[in-house]
N, C-alpha and C. Protein backbone atom coordinates (compact mmCIF):
# COMPACT_ATOMS: atom_id res chain seq x y z
N MET A 1 0.83 -1.22 -0.01
CA MET A 1 -0.01 -0.01 -0.02
C MET A 1 0.87 1.27 0.00
N LEU A 2 2.00 1.21 0.69
CA LEU A 2 2.85 2.41 0.78
C LEU A 2 3.65 2.64 -0.52
N GLN A 3 4.11 1.55 -1.15
CA GLN A 3 5.06 1.71 -2.29
C GLN A 3 4.37 1.51 -3.64
N GLY A 4 3.17 0.96 -3.65
CA GLY A 4 2.46 0.76 -4.91
C GLY A 4 2.82 -0.60 -5.53
N ALA A 5 1.96 -1.06 -6.45
CA ALA A 5 2.14 -2.38 -7.08
C ALA A 5 3.45 -2.46 -7.90
N GLY A 6 3.88 -1.28 -8.43
CA GLY A 6 5.08 -1.29 -9.23
C GLY A 6 6.33 -1.71 -8.47
N ALA A 7 6.28 -1.65 -7.15
CA ALA A 7 7.43 -2.01 -6.35
C ALA A 7 7.50 -3.55 -6.11
N LEU A 8 6.49 -4.29 -6.51
CA LEU A 8 6.42 -5.69 -6.26
C LEU A 8 7.21 -6.47 -7.33
N SER A 9 7.80 -7.58 -6.92
CA SER A 9 8.43 -8.50 -7.88
C SER A 9 7.33 -9.28 -8.61
N ASP A 10 7.74 -9.95 -9.69
CA ASP A 10 6.80 -10.81 -10.45
C ASP A 10 6.20 -11.86 -9.51
N ALA A 11 7.03 -12.45 -8.68
CA ALA A 11 6.51 -13.52 -7.80
C ALA A 11 5.52 -12.95 -6.77
N GLU A 12 5.78 -11.75 -6.30
CA GLU A 12 4.87 -11.14 -5.34
C GLU A 12 3.53 -10.79 -5.99
N LEU A 13 3.59 -10.26 -7.20
CA LEU A 13 2.35 -9.95 -7.91
C LEU A 13 1.53 -11.22 -8.14
N LEU A 14 2.20 -12.30 -8.57
CA LEU A 14 1.54 -13.54 -8.82
C LEU A 14 0.97 -14.12 -7.49
N ALA A 15 1.66 -13.98 -6.42
CA ALA A 15 1.19 -14.47 -5.13
C ALA A 15 -0.12 -13.75 -4.72
N ILE A 16 -0.21 -12.46 -4.99
CA ILE A 16 -1.47 -11.74 -4.68
C ILE A 16 -2.59 -12.27 -5.53
N PHE A 17 -2.28 -12.55 -6.81
CA PHE A 17 -3.29 -13.09 -7.69
C PHE A 17 -3.75 -14.50 -7.21
N LEU A 18 -2.81 -15.37 -6.85
CA LEU A 18 -3.16 -16.73 -6.43
C LEU A 18 -3.90 -16.75 -5.07
N ARG A 19 -3.55 -15.82 -4.22
CA ARG A 19 -4.20 -15.64 -2.89
C ARG A 19 -3.77 -16.72 -1.88
N THR A 20 -3.72 -17.96 -2.29
CA THR A 20 -3.38 -19.03 -1.38
C THR A 20 -2.34 -19.94 -1.98
N GLY A 21 -1.60 -20.63 -1.15
CA GLY A 21 -0.61 -21.59 -1.63
C GLY A 21 -1.19 -23.00 -1.66
N VAL A 22 -0.30 -23.96 -1.51
CA VAL A 22 -0.72 -25.40 -1.45
C VAL A 22 -0.09 -25.96 -0.19
N LYS A 23 -0.39 -27.17 0.10
CA LYS A 23 0.09 -27.82 1.30
C LYS A 23 1.62 -27.74 1.36
N GLY A 24 2.16 -27.13 2.41
CA GLY A 24 3.56 -27.03 2.61
C GLY A 24 4.24 -25.86 1.93
N LYS A 25 3.43 -25.04 1.18
CA LYS A 25 4.00 -23.91 0.46
C LYS A 25 3.11 -22.70 0.57
N SER A 26 3.69 -21.56 0.84
CA SER A 26 2.89 -20.34 0.87
C SER A 26 2.59 -19.90 -0.54
N ALA A 27 1.72 -18.91 -0.70
CA ALA A 27 1.41 -18.40 -2.02
C ALA A 27 2.68 -17.86 -2.70
N LEU A 28 3.56 -17.21 -1.91
CA LEU A 28 4.79 -16.66 -2.49
C LEU A 28 5.75 -17.78 -2.93
N ASP A 29 5.86 -18.81 -2.10
CA ASP A 29 6.71 -19.97 -2.49
C ASP A 29 6.21 -20.59 -3.78
N LEU A 30 4.89 -20.79 -3.85
CA LEU A 30 4.29 -21.38 -5.04
C LEU A 30 4.50 -20.50 -6.26
N SER A 31 4.41 -19.20 -6.11
CA SER A 31 4.59 -18.26 -7.20
C SER A 31 6.01 -18.37 -7.76
N ARG A 32 6.99 -18.39 -6.85
CA ARG A 32 8.37 -18.50 -7.28
C ARG A 32 8.60 -19.81 -8.04
N GLU A 33 7.98 -20.88 -7.56
CA GLU A 33 8.14 -22.19 -8.23
C GLU A 33 7.54 -22.15 -9.61
N LEU A 34 6.34 -21.53 -9.72
CA LEU A 34 5.66 -21.48 -11.03
C LEU A 34 6.46 -20.64 -12.05
N ILE A 35 7.01 -19.52 -11.57
CA ILE A 35 7.80 -18.71 -12.49
C ILE A 35 9.05 -19.45 -12.96
N ASP A 36 9.62 -20.24 -12.07
CA ASP A 36 10.77 -21.09 -12.48
C ASP A 36 10.33 -22.13 -13.51
N VAL A 37 9.15 -22.71 -13.34
CA VAL A 37 8.65 -23.71 -14.26
C VAL A 37 8.39 -23.16 -15.64
N PHE A 38 7.74 -21.99 -15.71
CA PHE A 38 7.36 -21.40 -16.98
C PHE A 38 8.45 -20.55 -17.57
N GLY A 39 9.37 -20.10 -16.77
CA GLY A 39 10.48 -19.28 -17.30
C GLY A 39 10.36 -17.84 -16.88
N ASP A 40 9.19 -17.26 -17.02
CA ASP A 40 8.88 -15.92 -16.57
C ASP A 40 7.41 -15.70 -16.55
N LEU A 41 6.98 -14.53 -16.05
CA LEU A 41 5.56 -14.27 -15.88
C LEU A 41 4.83 -14.19 -17.22
N ARG A 42 5.46 -13.60 -18.23
CA ARG A 42 4.80 -13.50 -19.52
C ARG A 42 4.60 -14.89 -20.17
N ALA A 43 5.58 -15.75 -20.06
CA ALA A 43 5.43 -17.09 -20.58
C ALA A 43 4.29 -17.86 -19.91
N MET A 44 4.11 -17.61 -18.62
CA MET A 44 3.02 -18.24 -17.88
C MET A 44 1.68 -17.71 -18.41
N ILE A 45 1.57 -16.41 -18.63
CA ILE A 45 0.33 -15.86 -19.13
C ILE A 45 -0.01 -16.39 -20.52
N ARG A 46 1.02 -16.60 -21.34
CA ARG A 46 0.83 -17.05 -22.75
C ARG A 46 0.68 -18.54 -22.86
N ALA A 47 0.92 -19.27 -21.78
CA ALA A 47 0.89 -20.75 -21.87
C ALA A 47 -0.48 -21.25 -22.30
N PRO A 48 -0.51 -22.31 -23.12
CA PRO A 48 -1.77 -22.93 -23.49
C PRO A 48 -2.52 -23.44 -22.26
N LYS A 49 -3.83 -23.53 -22.39
CA LYS A 49 -4.60 -23.92 -21.20
C LYS A 49 -4.20 -25.23 -20.62
N GLN A 50 -3.92 -26.21 -21.45
CA GLN A 50 -3.58 -27.55 -20.93
C GLN A 50 -2.27 -27.47 -20.13
N GLN A 51 -1.27 -26.78 -20.68
CA GLN A 51 -0.01 -26.67 -19.95
C GLN A 51 -0.16 -25.89 -18.66
N PHE A 52 -0.93 -24.84 -18.69
CA PHE A 52 -1.18 -24.01 -17.50
C PHE A 52 -1.83 -24.82 -16.39
N CYS A 53 -2.87 -25.54 -16.77
CA CYS A 53 -3.67 -26.27 -15.76
C CYS A 53 -2.91 -27.46 -15.18
N GLN A 54 -1.91 -27.96 -15.89
CA GLN A 54 -1.16 -29.10 -15.38
C GLN A 54 -0.14 -28.69 -14.31
N ALA A 55 0.15 -27.39 -14.27
CA ALA A 55 1.13 -26.92 -13.27
C ALA A 55 0.59 -27.08 -11.86
N HIS A 56 1.47 -27.38 -10.93
CA HIS A 56 1.09 -27.61 -9.53
C HIS A 56 0.45 -26.35 -8.96
N GLY A 57 -0.73 -26.47 -8.37
CA GLY A 57 -1.38 -25.33 -7.71
C GLY A 57 -2.26 -24.52 -8.63
N LEU A 58 -2.34 -24.87 -9.91
CA LEU A 58 -3.19 -24.13 -10.86
C LEU A 58 -4.36 -25.02 -11.33
N GLY A 59 -5.16 -24.52 -12.14
CA GLY A 59 -6.32 -25.24 -12.65
C GLY A 59 -7.14 -24.34 -13.58
N GLU A 60 -8.30 -24.86 -13.99
CA GLU A 60 -9.12 -24.12 -14.94
C GLU A 60 -9.61 -22.77 -14.36
N ALA A 61 -9.98 -22.77 -13.09
CA ALA A 61 -10.46 -21.52 -12.48
C ALA A 61 -9.41 -20.42 -12.50
N LYS A 62 -8.15 -20.83 -12.15
CA LYS A 62 -7.06 -19.85 -12.16
C LYS A 62 -6.77 -19.41 -13.61
N TYR A 63 -6.88 -20.32 -14.55
CA TYR A 63 -6.62 -19.99 -15.94
C TYR A 63 -7.60 -18.93 -16.44
N VAL A 64 -8.89 -19.15 -16.11
CA VAL A 64 -9.92 -18.21 -16.50
C VAL A 64 -9.72 -16.84 -15.83
N GLN A 65 -9.39 -16.85 -14.56
CA GLN A 65 -9.14 -15.60 -13.85
C GLN A 65 -8.00 -14.80 -14.46
N LEU A 66 -6.90 -15.53 -14.77
CA LEU A 66 -5.71 -14.85 -15.30
C LEU A 66 -6.00 -14.29 -16.69
N GLN A 67 -6.73 -15.03 -17.52
CA GLN A 67 -7.07 -14.50 -18.86
C GLN A 67 -7.98 -13.31 -18.75
N ALA A 68 -8.83 -13.28 -17.72
CA ALA A 68 -9.74 -12.14 -17.52
C ALA A 68 -8.90 -10.90 -17.13
N VAL A 69 -7.87 -11.10 -16.31
CA VAL A 69 -7.01 -9.97 -15.93
C VAL A 69 -6.28 -9.43 -17.15
N VAL A 70 -5.77 -10.33 -18.01
CA VAL A 70 -5.10 -9.91 -19.21
C VAL A 70 -6.02 -9.12 -20.12
N GLU A 71 -7.25 -9.61 -20.25
CA GLU A 71 -8.21 -8.91 -21.12
C GLU A 71 -8.61 -7.55 -20.55
N MET A 72 -8.74 -7.45 -19.25
CA MET A 72 -8.99 -6.12 -18.65
C MET A 72 -7.87 -5.15 -18.95
N SER A 73 -6.61 -5.63 -18.82
CA SER A 73 -5.49 -4.76 -19.13
C SER A 73 -5.48 -4.29 -20.56
N LYS A 74 -5.81 -5.19 -21.46
CA LYS A 74 -5.89 -4.85 -22.90
C LYS A 74 -6.96 -3.83 -23.15
N ARG A 75 -8.12 -3.98 -22.52
CA ARG A 75 -9.21 -3.02 -22.71
C ARG A 75 -8.89 -1.65 -22.13
N VAL A 76 -8.19 -1.63 -21.01
CA VAL A 76 -7.80 -0.34 -20.42
C VAL A 76 -6.87 0.42 -21.40
N LEU A 77 -5.93 -0.33 -21.99
CA LEU A 77 -5.05 0.31 -22.94
C LEU A 77 -5.76 0.78 -24.20
N SER A 78 -6.73 -0.02 -24.66
CA SER A 78 -7.41 0.33 -25.89
C SER A 78 -8.31 1.58 -25.68
N ILE A 79 -8.70 1.87 -24.48
CA ILE A 79 -9.48 3.07 -24.20
C ILE A 79 -8.75 4.32 -24.67
N GLU A 80 -7.43 4.27 -24.60
CA GLU A 80 -6.62 5.44 -25.00
C GLU A 80 -6.79 5.75 -26.50
N LEU A 81 -7.19 4.74 -27.27
CA LEU A 81 -7.35 4.94 -28.71
C LEU A 81 -8.75 4.58 -29.19
N GLN A 82 -9.73 4.98 -28.46
CA GLN A 82 -11.10 4.74 -28.86
C GLN A 82 -11.50 5.67 -29.99
N ARG A 83 -12.59 5.32 -30.61
CA ARG A 83 -13.14 6.14 -31.70
C ARG A 83 -13.30 7.59 -31.22
N GLY A 84 -12.83 8.51 -32.03
CA GLY A 84 -12.97 9.92 -31.74
C GLY A 84 -11.78 10.53 -31.01
N ASP A 85 -10.85 9.69 -30.51
CA ASP A 85 -9.67 10.19 -29.83
C ASP A 85 -8.58 10.54 -30.82
N ALA A 86 -7.91 11.63 -30.60
CA ALA A 86 -6.79 12.00 -31.47
C ALA A 86 -5.54 11.30 -31.01
N LEU A 87 -4.66 10.93 -31.96
CA LEU A 87 -3.37 10.39 -31.59
C LEU A 87 -2.50 11.50 -31.06
N ASN A 88 -2.09 11.37 -29.85
CA ASN A 88 -1.34 12.47 -29.22
C ASN A 88 0.17 12.34 -29.34
N SER A 89 0.64 11.10 -29.53
CA SER A 89 2.10 10.92 -29.62
C SER A 89 2.41 9.60 -30.34
N PRO A 90 3.59 9.52 -30.98
CA PRO A 90 4.02 8.28 -31.59
C PRO A 90 4.14 7.17 -30.55
N GLU A 91 4.62 7.49 -29.34
CA GLU A 91 4.78 6.53 -28.32
C GLU A 91 3.45 5.87 -27.90
N GLN A 92 2.41 6.69 -27.80
CA GLN A 92 1.10 6.19 -27.48
C GLN A 92 0.67 5.17 -28.52
N THR A 93 0.86 5.50 -29.81
CA THR A 93 0.48 4.60 -30.88
C THR A 93 1.28 3.31 -30.85
N ARG A 94 2.61 3.43 -30.63
CA ARG A 94 3.44 2.21 -30.57
C ARG A 94 3.04 1.33 -29.44
N ASN A 95 2.76 1.89 -28.28
CA ASN A 95 2.38 1.07 -27.10
C ASN A 95 1.11 0.30 -27.42
N PHE A 96 0.12 0.99 -28.00
CA PHE A 96 -1.15 0.34 -28.34
C PHE A 96 -0.93 -0.81 -29.31
N LEU A 97 -0.18 -0.58 -30.36
CA LEU A 97 0.05 -1.59 -31.37
C LEU A 97 0.90 -2.75 -30.87
N ARG A 98 1.86 -2.42 -30.02
CA ARG A 98 2.66 -3.50 -29.39
C ARG A 98 1.76 -4.42 -28.58
N TYR A 99 0.91 -3.86 -27.78
CA TYR A 99 0.03 -4.66 -26.93
C TYR A 99 -0.94 -5.50 -27.75
N GLU A 100 -1.42 -4.94 -28.86
CA GLU A 100 -2.40 -5.64 -29.65
C GLU A 100 -1.76 -6.78 -30.47
N LEU A 101 -0.53 -6.61 -30.93
CA LEU A 101 0.00 -7.52 -31.94
C LEU A 101 1.20 -8.36 -31.52
N ARG A 102 1.86 -7.97 -30.43
CA ARG A 102 3.12 -8.63 -30.06
C ARG A 102 3.00 -10.13 -29.88
N ASP A 103 1.93 -10.55 -29.27
CA ASP A 103 1.80 -11.98 -28.90
C ASP A 103 1.02 -12.81 -29.89
N GLU A 104 0.71 -12.20 -31.07
CA GLU A 104 0.05 -13.01 -32.08
C GLU A 104 0.93 -14.11 -32.57
N PRO A 105 0.46 -15.35 -32.66
CA PRO A 105 1.34 -16.46 -33.02
C PRO A 105 1.69 -16.49 -34.50
N ARG A 106 0.91 -15.82 -35.30
CA ARG A 106 1.21 -15.74 -36.76
C ARG A 106 1.13 -14.30 -37.22
N GLU A 107 1.64 -14.03 -38.40
CA GLU A 107 1.71 -12.66 -38.85
C GLU A 107 0.31 -12.08 -39.12
N VAL A 108 0.09 -10.88 -38.59
CA VAL A 108 -1.20 -10.19 -38.77
C VAL A 108 -0.92 -8.78 -39.29
N PHE A 109 -1.69 -8.40 -40.31
CA PHE A 109 -1.60 -7.05 -40.86
C PHE A 109 -2.83 -6.28 -40.39
N ALA A 110 -2.62 -5.15 -39.76
CA ALA A 110 -3.74 -4.39 -39.19
C ALA A 110 -3.62 -2.92 -39.64
N CYS A 111 -4.72 -2.18 -39.35
CA CYS A 111 -4.75 -0.79 -39.77
C CYS A 111 -5.47 0.09 -38.78
N LEU A 112 -4.92 1.23 -38.46
CA LEU A 112 -5.60 2.30 -37.73
C LEU A 112 -6.17 3.25 -38.75
N PHE A 113 -7.48 3.38 -38.82
CA PHE A 113 -8.14 4.31 -39.71
C PHE A 113 -8.42 5.61 -38.99
N LEU A 114 -8.03 6.73 -39.60
CA LEU A 114 -8.11 8.04 -38.95
C LEU A 114 -8.89 9.02 -39.81
N ASP A 115 -9.47 10.02 -39.14
CA ASP A 115 -10.19 11.07 -39.87
C ASP A 115 -9.20 12.21 -40.22
N ASN A 116 -9.69 13.31 -40.74
CA ASN A 116 -8.81 14.36 -41.21
C ASN A 116 -8.13 15.13 -40.09
N GLN A 117 -8.48 14.86 -38.83
CA GLN A 117 -7.80 15.46 -37.71
C GLN A 117 -7.01 14.42 -36.90
N ASN A 118 -6.74 13.31 -37.56
CA ASN A 118 -6.00 12.18 -36.96
C ASN A 118 -6.68 11.60 -35.74
N ARG A 119 -8.00 11.66 -35.73
CA ARG A 119 -8.74 11.02 -34.65
C ARG A 119 -9.08 9.60 -35.11
N VAL A 120 -9.06 8.68 -34.16
CA VAL A 120 -9.27 7.27 -34.48
C VAL A 120 -10.71 6.97 -34.89
N ILE A 121 -10.84 6.36 -36.07
CA ILE A 121 -12.16 5.86 -36.49
C ILE A 121 -12.31 4.41 -36.09
N SER A 122 -11.21 3.63 -36.39
CA SER A 122 -11.31 2.22 -36.08
C SER A 122 -9.92 1.59 -36.13
N PHE A 123 -9.71 0.55 -35.34
CA PHE A 123 -8.51 -0.30 -35.47
C PHE A 123 -8.99 -1.69 -35.86
N GLU A 124 -8.45 -2.21 -36.98
CA GLU A 124 -8.97 -3.50 -37.49
C GLU A 124 -7.79 -4.35 -37.96
N ARG A 125 -7.90 -5.64 -37.65
CA ARG A 125 -7.02 -6.66 -38.25
C ARG A 125 -7.61 -7.02 -39.62
N LEU A 126 -6.80 -6.92 -40.64
CA LEU A 126 -7.32 -7.09 -41.98
C LEU A 126 -6.87 -8.40 -42.66
N PHE A 127 -5.62 -8.81 -42.38
CA PHE A 127 -5.11 -10.00 -43.08
C PHE A 127 -4.30 -10.86 -42.10
N TRP A 128 -4.41 -12.14 -42.26
CA TRP A 128 -3.65 -13.09 -41.46
C TRP A 128 -2.82 -13.96 -42.38
N GLY A 129 -1.63 -14.30 -41.92
CA GLY A 129 -0.76 -15.11 -42.72
C GLY A 129 -0.18 -16.28 -41.95
N THR A 130 0.92 -16.80 -42.48
CA THR A 130 1.61 -17.88 -41.83
C THR A 130 2.57 -17.25 -40.79
N ILE A 131 3.47 -18.08 -40.27
CA ILE A 131 4.43 -17.57 -39.31
C ILE A 131 5.39 -16.59 -39.96
N ASN A 132 5.49 -16.63 -41.33
CA ASN A 132 6.47 -15.79 -42.01
C ASN A 132 5.92 -14.64 -42.80
N ALA A 133 4.71 -14.72 -43.27
CA ALA A 133 4.21 -13.69 -44.18
C ALA A 133 2.68 -13.61 -44.15
N ALA A 134 2.18 -12.47 -44.50
CA ALA A 134 0.74 -12.25 -44.64
C ALA A 134 0.46 -11.79 -46.08
N SER A 135 -0.63 -12.23 -46.63
CA SER A 135 -1.03 -11.76 -47.96
C SER A 135 -1.88 -10.49 -47.80
N VAL A 136 -1.38 -9.42 -48.28
CA VAL A 136 -2.01 -8.11 -48.14
C VAL A 136 -2.50 -7.64 -49.53
N TYR A 137 -3.79 -7.28 -49.61
CA TYR A 137 -4.41 -6.89 -50.84
C TYR A 137 -4.76 -5.39 -50.81
N PRO A 138 -4.02 -4.58 -51.57
CA PRO A 138 -4.28 -3.15 -51.59
C PRO A 138 -5.73 -2.79 -51.90
N ARG A 139 -6.35 -3.50 -52.81
CA ARG A 139 -7.74 -3.20 -53.15
C ARG A 139 -8.65 -3.30 -51.92
N GLU A 140 -8.46 -4.27 -51.09
CA GLU A 140 -9.26 -4.43 -49.88
C GLU A 140 -9.00 -3.33 -48.86
N VAL A 141 -7.71 -2.89 -48.78
CA VAL A 141 -7.39 -1.79 -47.88
C VAL A 141 -8.10 -0.54 -48.34
N VAL A 142 -8.03 -0.25 -49.62
CA VAL A 142 -8.70 0.92 -50.21
C VAL A 142 -10.17 0.87 -49.93
N ARG A 143 -10.79 -0.29 -50.20
CA ARG A 143 -12.25 -0.43 -50.00
C ARG A 143 -12.63 -0.15 -48.58
N ARG A 144 -11.91 -0.71 -47.61
CA ARG A 144 -12.27 -0.55 -46.22
C ARG A 144 -12.04 0.92 -45.80
N SER A 145 -10.98 1.53 -46.29
CA SER A 145 -10.71 2.94 -45.96
C SER A 145 -11.83 3.84 -46.45
N LEU A 146 -12.31 3.57 -47.64
CA LEU A 146 -13.46 4.38 -48.17
C LEU A 146 -14.74 4.11 -47.42
N GLU A 147 -14.97 2.89 -47.00
CA GLU A 147 -16.18 2.54 -46.24
C GLU A 147 -16.21 3.33 -44.92
N LEU A 148 -15.04 3.50 -44.33
CA LEU A 148 -14.95 4.18 -43.03
C LEU A 148 -14.76 5.69 -43.19
N ALA A 149 -14.71 6.14 -44.43
CA ALA A 149 -14.48 7.60 -44.74
C ALA A 149 -13.21 8.12 -44.04
N SER A 150 -12.17 7.34 -44.03
CA SER A 150 -10.93 7.74 -43.41
C SER A 150 -10.12 8.65 -44.32
N SER A 151 -9.39 9.55 -43.68
CA SER A 151 -8.52 10.49 -44.42
C SER A 151 -7.06 10.07 -44.34
N ALA A 152 -6.73 9.25 -43.37
CA ALA A 152 -5.34 8.80 -43.19
C ALA A 152 -5.38 7.42 -42.51
N VAL A 153 -4.24 6.73 -42.64
CA VAL A 153 -4.15 5.39 -42.04
C VAL A 153 -2.74 5.20 -41.51
N ILE A 154 -2.67 4.30 -40.53
CA ILE A 154 -1.37 3.80 -40.05
C ILE A 154 -1.45 2.28 -40.11
N PHE A 155 -0.49 1.71 -40.84
CA PHE A 155 -0.43 0.26 -40.95
C PHE A 155 0.41 -0.33 -39.82
N ALA A 156 0.13 -1.60 -39.52
CA ALA A 156 0.93 -2.26 -38.52
C ALA A 156 0.91 -3.76 -38.80
N HIS A 157 2.01 -4.42 -38.58
CA HIS A 157 2.01 -5.88 -38.57
C HIS A 157 3.10 -6.37 -37.66
N ASN A 158 2.93 -7.60 -37.22
CA ASN A 158 3.89 -8.17 -36.30
C ASN A 158 4.84 -9.14 -36.99
N HIS A 159 5.99 -9.34 -36.39
CA HIS A 159 6.94 -10.37 -36.82
C HIS A 159 7.00 -11.40 -35.68
N PRO A 160 6.36 -12.56 -35.84
CA PRO A 160 6.37 -13.56 -34.77
C PRO A 160 7.76 -14.02 -34.36
N SER A 161 8.73 -13.84 -35.25
CA SER A 161 10.11 -14.17 -34.89
C SER A 161 10.66 -13.30 -33.77
N GLY A 162 10.00 -12.12 -33.56
CA GLY A 162 10.45 -11.21 -32.54
C GLY A 162 11.37 -10.12 -33.07
N ILE A 163 11.86 -10.29 -34.29
CA ILE A 163 12.77 -9.31 -34.89
C ILE A 163 11.96 -8.29 -35.66
N ALA A 164 12.04 -7.04 -35.27
CA ALA A 164 11.18 -6.00 -35.84
C ALA A 164 11.70 -5.37 -37.13
N GLU A 165 12.88 -5.75 -37.56
CA GLU A 165 13.49 -5.15 -38.74
C GLU A 165 12.61 -5.37 -39.96
N PRO A 166 12.22 -4.29 -40.69
CA PRO A 166 11.36 -4.43 -41.87
C PRO A 166 12.06 -5.22 -42.96
N SER A 167 11.35 -6.09 -43.60
CA SER A 167 11.89 -6.86 -44.72
C SER A 167 11.72 -6.12 -46.02
N GLN A 168 12.36 -6.60 -47.07
CA GLN A 168 12.18 -6.01 -48.40
C GLN A 168 10.73 -6.14 -48.83
N ALA A 169 10.11 -7.26 -48.49
CA ALA A 169 8.67 -7.43 -48.85
C ALA A 169 7.80 -6.44 -48.09
N ASP A 170 8.13 -6.17 -46.85
CA ASP A 170 7.39 -5.15 -46.05
C ASP A 170 7.46 -3.80 -46.73
N GLN A 171 8.63 -3.44 -47.18
CA GLN A 171 8.78 -2.13 -47.86
C GLN A 171 8.06 -2.10 -49.19
N GLN A 172 8.06 -3.19 -49.92
CA GLN A 172 7.40 -3.22 -51.22
C GLN A 172 5.91 -3.09 -51.08
N ILE A 173 5.30 -3.85 -50.17
CA ILE A 173 3.83 -3.79 -50.03
C ILE A 173 3.43 -2.43 -49.49
N THR A 174 4.28 -1.79 -48.67
CA THR A 174 3.93 -0.46 -48.17
C THR A 174 3.88 0.52 -49.30
N GLN A 175 4.83 0.46 -50.23
CA GLN A 175 4.81 1.38 -51.38
C GLN A 175 3.61 1.11 -52.28
N HIS A 176 3.22 -0.14 -52.44
CA HIS A 176 2.00 -0.48 -53.23
C HIS A 176 0.78 0.12 -52.57
N LEU A 177 0.70 0.04 -51.26
CA LEU A 177 -0.43 0.56 -50.54
C LEU A 177 -0.49 2.11 -50.60
N ILE A 178 0.67 2.72 -50.47
CA ILE A 178 0.71 4.19 -50.58
C ILE A 178 0.22 4.66 -51.92
N LYS A 179 0.66 4.03 -53.00
CA LYS A 179 0.24 4.41 -54.35
C LYS A 179 -1.23 4.18 -54.53
N ALA A 180 -1.77 3.05 -54.01
CA ALA A 180 -3.17 2.78 -54.19
C ALA A 180 -4.06 3.78 -53.42
N LEU A 181 -3.62 4.15 -52.23
CA LEU A 181 -4.41 5.08 -51.41
C LEU A 181 -4.24 6.54 -51.89
N GLU A 182 -3.14 6.84 -52.53
CA GLU A 182 -3.00 8.18 -53.08
C GLU A 182 -4.08 8.50 -54.13
N LEU A 183 -4.52 7.44 -54.87
CA LEU A 183 -5.51 7.63 -55.87
C LEU A 183 -6.85 8.08 -55.34
N VAL A 184 -7.08 7.86 -54.04
CA VAL A 184 -8.34 8.24 -53.42
C VAL A 184 -8.08 9.26 -52.27
N ASP A 185 -6.93 9.91 -52.36
CA ASP A 185 -6.56 11.01 -51.41
C ASP A 185 -6.56 10.58 -49.97
N ILE A 186 -6.04 9.41 -49.68
CA ILE A 186 -5.90 8.95 -48.31
C ILE A 186 -4.42 8.83 -48.00
N ARG A 187 -3.96 9.52 -46.91
CA ARG A 187 -2.58 9.56 -46.57
C ARG A 187 -2.15 8.34 -45.71
N VAL A 188 -0.96 7.87 -45.94
CA VAL A 188 -0.35 6.83 -45.14
C VAL A 188 0.66 7.51 -44.22
N LEU A 189 0.35 7.53 -42.92
CA LEU A 189 1.17 8.26 -41.95
C LEU A 189 2.37 7.41 -41.50
N ASP A 190 2.18 6.09 -41.42
CA ASP A 190 3.26 5.28 -40.88
C ASP A 190 2.94 3.79 -41.12
N HIS A 191 3.95 2.99 -41.01
CA HIS A 191 3.79 1.53 -40.99
C HIS A 191 4.67 1.08 -39.83
N ILE A 192 4.02 0.46 -38.85
CA ILE A 192 4.71 0.00 -37.63
C ILE A 192 4.92 -1.50 -37.71
N VAL A 193 6.17 -1.92 -37.49
CA VAL A 193 6.47 -3.35 -37.41
C VAL A 193 6.72 -3.69 -35.94
N VAL A 194 5.92 -4.63 -35.43
CA VAL A 194 5.97 -4.99 -34.02
C VAL A 194 6.75 -6.27 -33.83
N GLY A 195 7.84 -6.17 -33.13
CA GLY A 195 8.63 -7.33 -32.73
C GLY A 195 8.52 -7.54 -31.26
N ASP A 196 9.53 -8.19 -30.67
CA ASP A 196 9.54 -8.41 -29.24
C ASP A 196 10.97 -8.35 -28.75
N PRO A 197 11.37 -7.27 -28.09
CA PRO A 197 10.52 -6.17 -27.58
C PRO A 197 10.46 -4.94 -28.49
N ASP A 198 11.23 -4.94 -29.58
CA ASP A 198 11.38 -3.73 -30.39
C ASP A 198 10.18 -3.46 -31.26
N VAL A 199 9.96 -2.18 -31.58
CA VAL A 199 8.95 -1.76 -32.52
C VAL A 199 9.64 -0.77 -33.47
N VAL A 200 9.45 -0.94 -34.79
CA VAL A 200 10.12 -0.11 -35.79
C VAL A 200 9.05 0.70 -36.54
N SER A 201 9.31 1.99 -36.70
CA SER A 201 8.45 2.89 -37.46
C SER A 201 9.06 3.18 -38.82
N PHE A 202 8.29 2.95 -39.90
CA PHE A 202 8.74 3.33 -41.23
C PHE A 202 8.98 4.79 -41.33
N ALA A 203 8.13 5.59 -40.72
CA ALA A 203 8.23 7.06 -40.84
C ALA A 203 9.53 7.54 -40.18
N GLU A 204 9.84 6.98 -39.01
CA GLU A 204 11.04 7.37 -38.32
C GLU A 204 12.30 6.92 -39.07
N ARG A 205 12.20 5.84 -39.83
CA ARG A 205 13.30 5.34 -40.60
C ARG A 205 13.46 6.05 -41.93
N GLY A 206 12.46 6.91 -42.27
CA GLY A 206 12.54 7.60 -43.56
C GLY A 206 12.11 6.70 -44.71
N LEU A 207 11.36 5.66 -44.39
CA LEU A 207 10.88 4.72 -45.46
C LEU A 207 9.54 5.14 -46.00
N ILE A 208 8.90 6.15 -45.45
CA ILE A 208 7.65 6.70 -45.93
C ILE A 208 7.86 8.22 -46.15
């Protein structure tokens, strides 16, 4: 209460979530053991249900509770970029896109649709691919942009490998999209590549 939740270790945060331990172990002892088993707190959160429930001291109820906590955190972050809100900073945009796309198991191409004052109209996942690539169709991007009456867009996609460095294919499809959207007077403000932990901005790299 005096120092705030940010002062707690991963094991201490998990212990508060678990509330109770198991026979012969306190909640804190169990938390330390679980983090050792999974590797870290994030790996535990991302673990498949079967693997999670098999761990000592866990089960379906804890799995559901933890996923609910994750979803609440995601929704709190998404409130910052709700419809009608203006993008106030590149960092705000990167944080939102990182949280949305970082943990996707396969490549996802998404788009932030904006009005003429850079206020958010919608954030949508548009294309899904394999672990290595997504098939992106400029015609569909143009169609959806016109449907939403957007004046500008920010593209984003993740690299499941964790390496955020833009590929040659990333740069090529971005140029195709820019040319397609120019025909209908829609600006492309940026293309964000989400890795883990890095995020790369095409605009900051001078690629747009």
